[in-house]
Amino acid sequence: MKRMKVLFGQRRLMVLVTLTVLILAAAALVASSASFTATSANPDNMFTAGALSIGNYDSTLANNEGNPVVGLSMSAMAPGDSTSGTAIIKNTGTVSGTFTLTSAVDPASAPAFATLLQCRITQDGVEIYDGNLDAIGTLNLTPGGVASWASGAQHTYVFTVTFPSTAGNDFQGDSAEAAFRWDAVSD
């Protein structure tokens, strides 16, 4: 029986030693195992609304907003006289847009005289209007079939107003005042 105790005692000891070795091996394996890690971030995402704005310049590229088209106004016109003026319009915004030109004749001026005056408008040398001053209305400014103006795009407009040489004495002393407004709508 002593012998049995010794055999079972040694086995217990062997089992305990084996378990201890396995636990130490597992701990060493966990402690020494290397792992790859990686991270990626996209911080500070900023969202800003664009802007659509119109630059209105004279032929020297000086700001002309709120003023008549330089050179277009003329007093003491006689039949056959013409006057021309230039406006340079630019998309100074950060987004593209569709631009229009709207003309309105002041109702306090002589309507018959405004109907008589002829107005020709060119955009970059291409005629976009030729008719009575009072009938311009709203013109869609789409050069070369392009539907909108990109940021930074600019176009030169030349207005020529002519007092027809066939006008009679009925128009002496009459005057007409036209306002031109440039508008843009973002795409």
Protein backbone atom coordinates (compact mmCIF):
# COMPACT_ATOMS: atom_id res chain seq x y z
CA MET A 1 0.00 0.00 0.00
CA LYS A 2 2.88 2.23 0.58
CA ARG A 3 3.85 1.59 -2.87
CA MET A 4 0.45 2.68 -4.12
CA LYS A 5 0.60 5.89 -2.15
CA VAL A 6 3.97 6.66 -3.61
CA LEU A 7 2.72 5.97 -7.16
CA PHE A 8 -0.42 8.07 -6.75
CA GLY A 9 1.49 10.78 -4.95
CA GLN A 10 3.99 10.96 -7.78
CA ARG A 11 1.20 11.13 -10.31
CA ARG A 12 -0.43 13.99 -8.51
CA LEU A 13 2.86 15.72 -8.42
CA MET A 14 3.33 15.04 -12.15
CA VAL A 15 -0.14 16.33 -12.92
CA LEU A 16 0.49 19.48 -10.88
CA VAL A 17 3.88 20.04 -12.50
CA THR A 18 2.40 19.49 -15.97
CA LEU A 19 -0.45 21.90 -15.27
CA THR A 20 1.96 24.48 -13.91
CA VAL A 21 4.16 24.19 -17.01
CA LEU A 22 1.14 24.55 -19.30
CA ILE A 23 -0.11 27.61 -17.41
CA LEU A 24 3.34 29.23 -17.56
CA ALA A 25 3.64 28.44 -21.28
CA ALA A 26 0.23 29.92 -21.98
CA ALA A 27 1.10 33.06 -19.98
CA ALA A 28 4.41 33.40 -21.84
CA LEU A 29 2.65 32.95 -25.17
CA VAL A 30 0.04 35.63 -24.38
CA ALA A 31 2.65 38.02 -22.98
CA SER A 32 5.02 37.64 -25.92
CA SER A 33 2.51 37.55 -28.79
CA ALA A 34 2.71 40.60 -31.05
CA SER A 35 -0.35 42.13 -32.69
CA PHE A 36 -0.55 44.61 -35.56
CA THR A 37 -2.84 47.56 -34.96
CA ALA A 38 -3.79 50.49 -37.15
CA THR A 39 -6.05 53.51 -36.96
CA SER A 40 -7.21 56.06 -39.50
CA ALA A 41 -9.00 59.34 -38.88
CA ASN A 42 -10.67 62.08 -40.90
CA PRO A 43 -10.96 64.99 -38.49
CA ASP A 44 -12.13 68.55 -39.03
CA ASN A 45 -14.38 68.07 -42.05
CA MET A 46 -15.55 71.58 -42.98
CA PHE A 47 -18.58 72.40 -45.09
CA THR A 48 -18.96 75.92 -46.45
CA ALA A 49 -21.71 77.24 -48.69
CA GLY A 50 -20.58 78.74 -51.97
CA ALA A 51 -21.51 82.21 -53.07
CA LEU A 52 -22.81 83.70 -56.28
CA SER A 53 -21.94 87.33 -56.84
CA ILE A 54 -21.78 89.70 -59.78
CA GLY A 55 -18.94 92.06 -60.60
CA ASN A 56 -20.07 95.05 -62.66
CA TYR A 57 -17.15 96.93 -64.24
CA ASP A 58 -16.52 99.65 -66.78
CA SER A 59 -14.07 99.20 -69.66
CA THR A 60 -11.11 99.99 -67.36
CA LEU A 61 -12.30 97.27 -64.93
CA ALA A 62 -13.22 99.84 -62.28
CA ASN A 63 -16.27 98.98 -60.19
CA ASN A 64 -19.32 100.48 -61.86
CA GLU A 65 -22.15 99.00 -59.79
CA GLY A 66 -24.94 101.48 -59.10
CA ASN A 67 -23.84 103.81 -61.92
CA PRO A 68 -25.05 104.21 -65.52
CA VAL A 69 -23.22 102.23 -68.20
CA VAL A 70 -20.23 104.49 -68.86
CA GLY A 71 -20.63 106.45 -72.12
CA LEU A 72 -24.18 105.29 -72.78
CA SER A 73 -26.05 108.37 -71.56
CA MET A 74 -26.32 111.26 -73.97
CA SER A 75 -28.10 114.59 -73.73
CA ALA A 76 -29.24 116.85 -76.55
CA MET A 77 -29.46 113.99 -79.04
CA ALA A 78 -30.41 114.96 -82.55
CA PRO A 79 -31.98 112.58 -85.06
CA GLY A 80 -29.25 110.25 -86.37
CA ASP A 81 -27.10 110.44 -83.20
CA SER A 82 -25.85 107.30 -81.46
CA THR A 83 -24.11 106.66 -78.18
CA SER A 84 -22.37 103.52 -76.94
CA GLY A 85 -21.29 102.24 -73.57
CA THR A 86 -19.55 99.16 -72.25
CA ALA A 87 -20.27 97.01 -69.21
CA ILE A 88 -18.10 94.07 -68.18
CA ILE A 89 -20.01 91.57 -66.06
CA LYS A 90 -18.16 88.88 -64.14
CA ASN A 91 -19.16 85.95 -61.95
CA THR A 92 -17.12 86.89 -58.87
CA GLY A 93 -18.69 84.11 -56.81
CA THR A 94 -17.46 80.61 -56.08
CA VAL A 95 -20.29 78.72 -57.80
CA SER A 96 -21.60 78.73 -61.36
CA GLY A 97 -24.83 80.44 -62.28
CA THR A 98 -27.23 81.46 -65.01
CA PHE A 99 -27.13 85.20 -65.72
CA THR A 100 -29.82 87.47 -67.12
CA LEU A 101 -30.08 91.13 -68.09
CA THR A 102 -33.34 92.96 -67.44
CA SER A 103 -34.11 96.41 -68.76
CA ALA A 104 -36.87 98.69 -67.64
CA VAL A 105 -37.72 102.12 -68.98
CA ASP A 106 -38.78 104.66 -66.37
CA PRO A 107 -42.51 105.25 -66.83
CA ALA A 108 -42.05 108.93 -65.95
CA SER A 109 -39.99 109.41 -69.11
CA ALA A 110 -41.64 109.95 -72.50
CA PRO A 111 -42.86 106.47 -73.51
CA ALA A 112 -43.13 107.35 -77.20
CA PHE A 113 -39.48 108.50 -77.23
CA ALA A 114 -38.37 105.23 -75.54
CA THR A 115 -40.29 103.29 -78.18
CA LEU A 116 -38.55 105.27 -80.92
CA LEU A 117 -34.97 104.83 -79.63
CA GLN A 118 -33.20 101.79 -81.05
CA CYS A 119 -30.92 99.72 -78.86
CA ARG A 120 -28.35 97.18 -79.96
CA ILE A 121 -26.59 94.99 -77.37
CA THR A 122 -23.63 92.75 -78.10
CA GLN A 123 -22.11 90.16 -75.82
CA ASP A 124 -18.42 89.58 -76.53
CA GLY A 125 -18.99 90.99 -80.03
CA VAL A 126 -22.06 88.85 -80.81
CA GLU A 127 -25.42 90.61 -81.13
CA ILE A 128 -27.92 89.47 -78.51
CA TYR A 129 -30.53 92.21 -78.95
CA ASP A 130 -31.50 94.72 -81.63
CA GLY A 131 -34.79 96.54 -81.20
CA ASN A 132 -36.64 99.26 -79.34
CA LEU A 133 -35.15 100.47 -76.07
CA ASP A 134 -38.41 99.93 -74.22
CA ALA A 135 -38.83 96.32 -75.43
CA ILE A 136 -35.64 94.69 -74.12
CA GLY A 137 -37.34 93.00 -71.17
CA THR A 138 -35.22 90.13 -69.80
CA LEU A 139 -32.43 88.56 -71.84
CA ASN A 140 -30.99 85.17 -70.93
CA LEU A 141 -27.22 85.55 -71.22
CA THR A 142 -26.06 82.14 -72.42
CA PRO A 143 -22.97 82.66 -74.59
CA GLY A 144 -22.31 79.99 -77.17
CA GLY A 145 -25.06 77.75 -75.82
CA VAL A 146 -23.38 77.44 -72.43
CA ALA A 147 -26.15 77.41 -69.85
CA SER A 148 -24.19 78.90 -66.98
CA TRP A 149 -21.17 80.98 -66.15
CA ALA A 150 -18.42 79.30 -64.16
CA SER A 151 -16.79 81.12 -61.27
CA GLY A 152 -14.53 83.80 -62.74
CA ALA A 153 -16.26 83.92 -66.15
CA GLN A 154 -16.74 87.41 -67.55
CA HIS A 155 -18.39 88.88 -70.63
CA THR A 156 -18.26 92.29 -72.26
CA TYR A 157 -21.51 94.00 -73.22
CA VAL A 158 -21.65 96.95 -75.58
CA PHE A 159 -24.89 98.95 -75.64
CA THR A 160 -25.55 101.26 -78.59
CA VAL A 161 -28.60 103.53 -78.50
CA THR A 162 -29.56 105.35 -81.69
CA PHE A 163 -32.02 108.20 -82.22
CA PRO A 164 -33.35 107.35 -85.70
CA SER A 165 -32.67 109.95 -88.35
CA THR A 166 -36.30 109.69 -89.48
CA ALA A 167 -37.58 111.15 -86.18
CA GLY A 168 -39.59 114.32 -86.55
CA ASN A 169 -40.06 117.45 -84.46
CA ASP A 170 -42.56 115.70 -82.16
CA PHE A 171 -39.72 114.36 -80.03
CA GLN A 172 -37.89 117.61 -79.31
CA GLY A 173 -37.11 117.90 -75.60
CA ASP A 174 -38.26 114.31 -74.81
CA SER A 175 -36.17 112.03 -72.67
CA ALA A 176 -36.12 108.36 -71.74
CA GLU A 177 -34.40 106.68 -68.82
CA ALA A 178 -33.57 102.97 -68.88
CA ALA A 179 -32.29 100.87 -66.00
CA PHE A 180 -30.28 97.72 -66.60
CA ARG A 181 -30.18 95.02 -63.94
CA TRP A 182 -27.96 91.96 -63.96
CA ASP A 183 -29.21 88.89 -62.10
CA ALA A 184 -27.76 85.46 -61.47
CA VAL A 185 -29.19 82.22 -60.14
CA SER A 186 -26.88 79.43 -59.03
CA ASP A 187 -27.03 76.09 -60.80
